[in-house]
Amino acid sequence: MAKSRKEKHRCGICKSLLNGISSKGSKTQKKVSRPFSGLCVKCYERIFKLAKRYYANELREEEIELKYLPYIKSLKRVSEVF
């Protein structure tokens, strides 16, 4: 299903409205430059906290919610970031 032009941007995980993303302006003004730009701040922070614990072997893969797992697996060098 295609998104209508009037529809607001939403988080890819929790579906809450994203703040600071405008549908007006040029393409470069609409693009967010941070990683996982389609996520809200709460989900973004949660992913990095879980990834830090996962790669420090404090958390097993079975203990992570499935909706966060693909994002955590894409962060291969998270131990260098923290």
N, C-alpha and C. Protein backbone atom coordinates (compact mmCIF):
# COMPACT_ATOMS: atom_id res chain seq x y z
N MET A 1 0.84 -1.18 0.00
CA MET A 1 0.00 0.00 0.00
C MET A 1 0.89 1.24 0.00
N ALA A 2 0.67 2.13 -0.92
CA ALA A 2 1.49 3.34 -1.03
C ALA A 2 1.05 4.38 0.00
N LYS A 3 2.04 5.12 0.49
CA LYS A 3 1.77 6.17 1.47
C LYS A 3 1.25 7.42 0.74
N SER A 4 0.18 7.99 1.23
CA SER A 4 -0.34 9.20 0.61
C SER A 4 0.57 10.37 0.94
N ARG A 5 0.51 11.41 0.18
CA ARG A 5 1.39 12.56 0.38
C ARG A 5 1.10 13.30 1.69
N LYS A 6 -0.09 13.24 2.19
CA LYS A 6 -0.46 13.96 3.40
C LYS A 6 -0.14 13.17 4.68
N GLU A 7 0.16 11.89 4.53
CA GLU A 7 0.39 11.04 5.68
C GLU A 7 1.70 11.42 6.38
N LYS A 8 1.66 11.45 7.71
CA LYS A 8 2.83 11.80 8.51
C LYS A 8 3.79 10.62 8.58
N HIS A 9 5.07 10.91 8.82
CA HIS A 9 6.08 9.87 8.96
C HIS A 9 5.94 9.21 10.32
N ARG A 10 6.08 7.89 10.36
CA ARG A 10 5.93 7.13 11.61
C ARG A 10 7.14 6.24 11.84
N CYS A 11 7.34 5.88 13.11
CA CYS A 11 8.42 5.00 13.51
C CYS A 11 8.22 3.62 12.89
N GLY A 12 9.28 2.99 12.46
CA GLY A 12 9.20 1.68 11.84
C GLY A 12 8.89 0.56 12.82
N ILE A 13 9.10 0.80 14.11
CA ILE A 13 8.86 -0.24 15.11
C ILE A 13 7.56 -0.01 15.87
N CYS A 14 7.43 1.15 16.52
CA CYS A 14 6.27 1.37 17.40
C CYS A 14 5.15 2.17 16.72
N LYS A 15 5.37 2.65 15.53
CA LYS A 15 4.38 3.38 14.72
C LYS A 15 3.96 4.74 15.32
N SER A 16 4.77 5.30 16.22
CA SER A 16 4.47 6.63 16.74
C SER A 16 4.91 7.69 15.73
N LEU A 17 4.32 8.87 15.79
CA LEU A 17 4.67 9.94 14.86
C LEU A 17 6.10 10.41 15.10
N LEU A 18 6.83 10.68 14.00
CA LEU A 18 8.19 11.17 14.11
C LEU A 18 8.19 12.68 14.11
N ASN A 19 8.92 13.26 15.03
CA ASN A 19 9.04 14.71 15.10
C ASN A 19 10.21 15.19 14.25
N GLY A 20 10.08 16.35 13.68
CA GLY A 20 11.19 16.97 12.96
C GLY A 20 11.37 16.51 11.53
N ILE A 21 10.50 15.69 11.00
CA ILE A 21 10.60 15.27 9.61
C ILE A 21 9.47 15.92 8.84
N SER A 22 9.83 16.77 7.92
CA SER A 22 8.85 17.53 7.17
C SER A 22 8.60 16.89 5.81
N SER A 23 7.42 17.07 5.30
CA SER A 23 7.12 16.60 3.95
C SER A 23 7.23 17.74 2.95
N LYS A 24 7.59 18.92 3.45
CA LYS A 24 7.76 20.07 2.58
C LYS A 24 9.24 20.28 2.29
N GLY A 25 9.54 20.92 1.19
CA GLY A 25 10.93 21.24 0.85
C GLY A 25 11.52 20.25 -0.13
N SER A 26 12.82 20.43 -0.39
CA SER A 26 13.50 19.58 -1.35
C SER A 26 13.85 18.22 -0.73
N LYS A 27 14.36 17.34 -1.55
CA LYS A 27 14.67 15.98 -1.10
C LYS A 27 15.75 15.98 -0.02
N THR A 28 16.75 16.84 -0.14
CA THR A 28 17.83 16.88 0.85
C THR A 28 17.36 17.47 2.18
N GLN A 29 16.35 18.31 2.16
CA GLN A 29 15.81 18.86 3.41
C GLN A 29 14.99 17.81 4.15
N LYS A 30 14.39 16.86 3.43
CA LYS A 30 13.55 15.84 4.04
C LYS A 30 14.37 14.68 4.60
N LYS A 31 15.59 14.50 4.12
CA LYS A 31 16.40 13.34 4.49
C LYS A 31 17.07 13.56 5.85
N VAL A 32 16.98 12.56 6.71
CA VAL A 32 17.62 12.61 8.02
C VAL A 32 18.93 11.85 7.90
N SER A 33 20.02 12.40 8.45
CA SER A 33 21.34 11.83 8.21
C SER A 33 21.81 10.85 9.29
N ARG A 34 21.03 10.61 10.33
CA ARG A 34 21.49 9.67 11.37
C ARG A 34 21.13 8.24 10.99
N PRO A 35 21.85 7.26 11.57
CA PRO A 35 21.49 5.87 11.28
C PRO A 35 20.10 5.53 11.82
N PHE A 36 19.40 4.66 11.18
CA PHE A 36 18.04 4.26 11.54
C PHE A 36 17.13 5.49 11.64
N SER A 37 17.14 6.30 10.61
CA SER A 37 16.38 7.55 10.63
C SER A 37 14.87 7.35 10.62
N GLY A 38 14.40 6.16 10.33
CA GLY A 38 12.97 5.90 10.33
C GLY A 38 12.43 5.45 11.67
N LEU A 39 13.23 5.64 12.75
CA LEU A 39 12.81 5.22 14.08
C LEU A 39 12.68 6.42 15.00
N CYS A 40 11.80 6.30 15.98
CA CYS A 40 11.67 7.36 16.98
C CYS A 40 12.85 7.28 17.96
N VAL A 41 13.02 8.28 18.78
CA VAL A 41 14.15 8.35 19.70
C VAL A 41 14.12 7.21 20.72
N LYS A 42 12.94 6.87 21.21
CA LYS A 42 12.84 5.79 22.19
C LYS A 42 13.31 4.46 21.62
N CYS A 43 12.85 4.12 20.43
CA CYS A 43 13.26 2.86 19.81
C CYS A 43 14.74 2.90 19.42
N TYR A 44 15.21 4.02 18.96
CA TYR A 44 16.62 4.21 18.58
C TYR A 44 17.53 3.96 19.78
N GLU A 45 17.20 4.57 20.92
CA GLU A 45 18.00 4.39 22.13
C GLU A 45 17.91 2.96 22.64
N ARG A 46 16.74 2.38 22.56
CA ARG A 46 16.54 1.00 23.02
C ARG A 46 17.39 0.03 22.21
N ILE A 47 17.48 0.24 20.89
CA ILE A 47 18.28 -0.62 20.03
C ILE A 47 19.75 -0.54 20.42
N PHE A 48 20.27 0.67 20.65
CA PHE A 48 21.67 0.79 21.00
C PHE A 48 21.98 0.22 22.38
N LYS A 49 21.06 0.35 23.32
CA LYS A 49 21.27 -0.23 24.64
C LYS A 49 21.27 -1.76 24.57
N LEU A 50 20.31 -2.31 23.83
CA LEU A 50 20.25 -3.76 23.67
C LEU A 50 21.46 -4.29 22.90
N ALA A 51 21.89 -3.57 21.88
CA ALA A 51 23.05 -3.99 21.09
C ALA A 51 24.32 -3.99 21.94
N LYS A 52 24.45 -3.00 22.77
CA LYS A 52 25.62 -2.92 23.65
C LYS A 52 25.67 -4.14 24.58
N ARG A 53 24.53 -4.49 25.17
CA ARG A 53 24.46 -5.65 26.05
C ARG A 53 24.63 -6.96 25.28
N TYR A 54 24.08 -7.03 24.06
CA TYR A 54 24.17 -8.23 23.25
C TYR A 54 25.62 -8.52 22.86
N TYR A 55 26.33 -7.51 22.39
CA TYR A 55 27.71 -7.70 21.94
C TYR A 55 28.70 -7.78 23.10
N ALA A 56 28.29 -7.44 24.32
CA ALA A 56 29.12 -7.63 25.51
C ALA A 56 28.81 -8.97 26.17
N ASN A 57 28.01 -9.80 25.51
CA ASN A 57 27.60 -11.12 25.98
C ASN A 57 26.85 -11.08 27.31
N GLU A 58 26.15 -10.00 27.57
CA GLU A 58 25.30 -9.90 28.76
C GLU A 58 23.87 -10.29 28.45
N LEU A 59 23.55 -10.43 27.17
CA LEU A 59 22.18 -10.70 26.73
C LEU A 59 22.23 -11.72 25.60
N ARG A 60 21.36 -12.72 25.67
CA ARG A 60 21.28 -13.72 24.61
C ARG A 60 20.28 -13.28 23.55
N GLU A 61 20.41 -13.88 22.38
CA GLU A 61 19.53 -13.54 21.26
C GLU A 61 18.08 -13.87 21.56
N GLU A 62 17.84 -14.92 22.35
CA GLU A 62 16.48 -15.33 22.68
C GLU A 62 15.79 -14.33 23.61
N GLU A 63 16.54 -13.50 24.30
CA GLU A 63 15.98 -12.54 25.25
C GLU A 63 15.60 -11.21 24.60
N ILE A 64 15.96 -11.04 23.34
CA ILE A 64 15.68 -9.79 22.62
C ILE A 64 14.37 -9.95 21.87
N GLU A 65 13.53 -8.91 21.92
CA GLU A 65 12.27 -8.94 21.17
C GLU A 65 12.57 -8.99 19.67
N LEU A 66 11.75 -9.75 18.95
CA LEU A 66 11.99 -9.97 17.53
C LEU A 66 11.96 -8.68 16.71
N LYS A 67 11.20 -7.69 17.15
CA LYS A 67 11.12 -6.45 16.37
C LYS A 67 12.42 -5.65 16.42
N TYR A 68 13.26 -5.87 17.44
CA TYR A 68 14.54 -5.16 17.55
C TYR A 68 15.70 -5.94 16.94
N LEU A 69 15.57 -7.23 16.80
CA LEU A 69 16.67 -8.10 16.40
C LEU A 69 17.31 -7.74 15.05
N PRO A 70 16.56 -7.45 13.98
CA PRO A 70 17.22 -7.11 12.72
C PRO A 70 18.08 -5.85 12.81
N TYR A 71 17.64 -4.88 13.59
CA TYR A 71 18.41 -3.65 13.75
C TYR A 71 19.69 -3.91 14.53
N ILE A 72 19.62 -4.75 15.55
CA ILE A 72 20.78 -5.07 16.37
C ILE A 72 21.80 -5.87 15.56
N LYS A 73 21.33 -6.81 14.76
CA LYS A 73 22.22 -7.62 13.94
C LYS A 73 22.93 -6.77 12.88
N SER A 74 22.32 -5.67 12.46
CA SER A 74 22.96 -4.82 11.45
C SER A 74 24.07 -3.96 12.06
N LEU A 75 24.12 -3.86 13.37
CA LEU A 75 25.18 -3.12 14.04
C LEU A 75 26.31 -4.07 14.40
N LYS A 76 27.20 -4.33 13.48
CA LYS A 76 28.25 -5.31 13.71
C LYS A 76 29.38 -4.75 14.56
N ARG A 77 29.66 -3.47 14.45
CA ARG A 77 30.77 -2.87 15.17
C ARG A 77 30.29 -2.00 16.33
N VAL A 78 29.25 -2.42 16.98
CA VAL A 78 28.68 -1.61 18.05
C VAL A 78 29.63 -1.52 19.24
N SER A 79 30.46 -2.52 19.45
CA SER A 79 31.39 -2.48 20.57
C SER A 79 32.42 -1.37 20.39
N GLU A 80 32.74 -1.01 19.14
CA GLU A 80 33.66 0.09 18.88
C GLU A 80 32.99 1.45 19.09
N VAL A 81 31.67 1.52 18.90
CA VAL A 81 30.94 2.77 19.06
C VAL A 81 30.86 3.16 20.53
N PHE A 82 30.64 2.18 21.39
CA PHE A 82 30.50 2.45 22.81
C PHE A 82 31.86 2.39 23.43
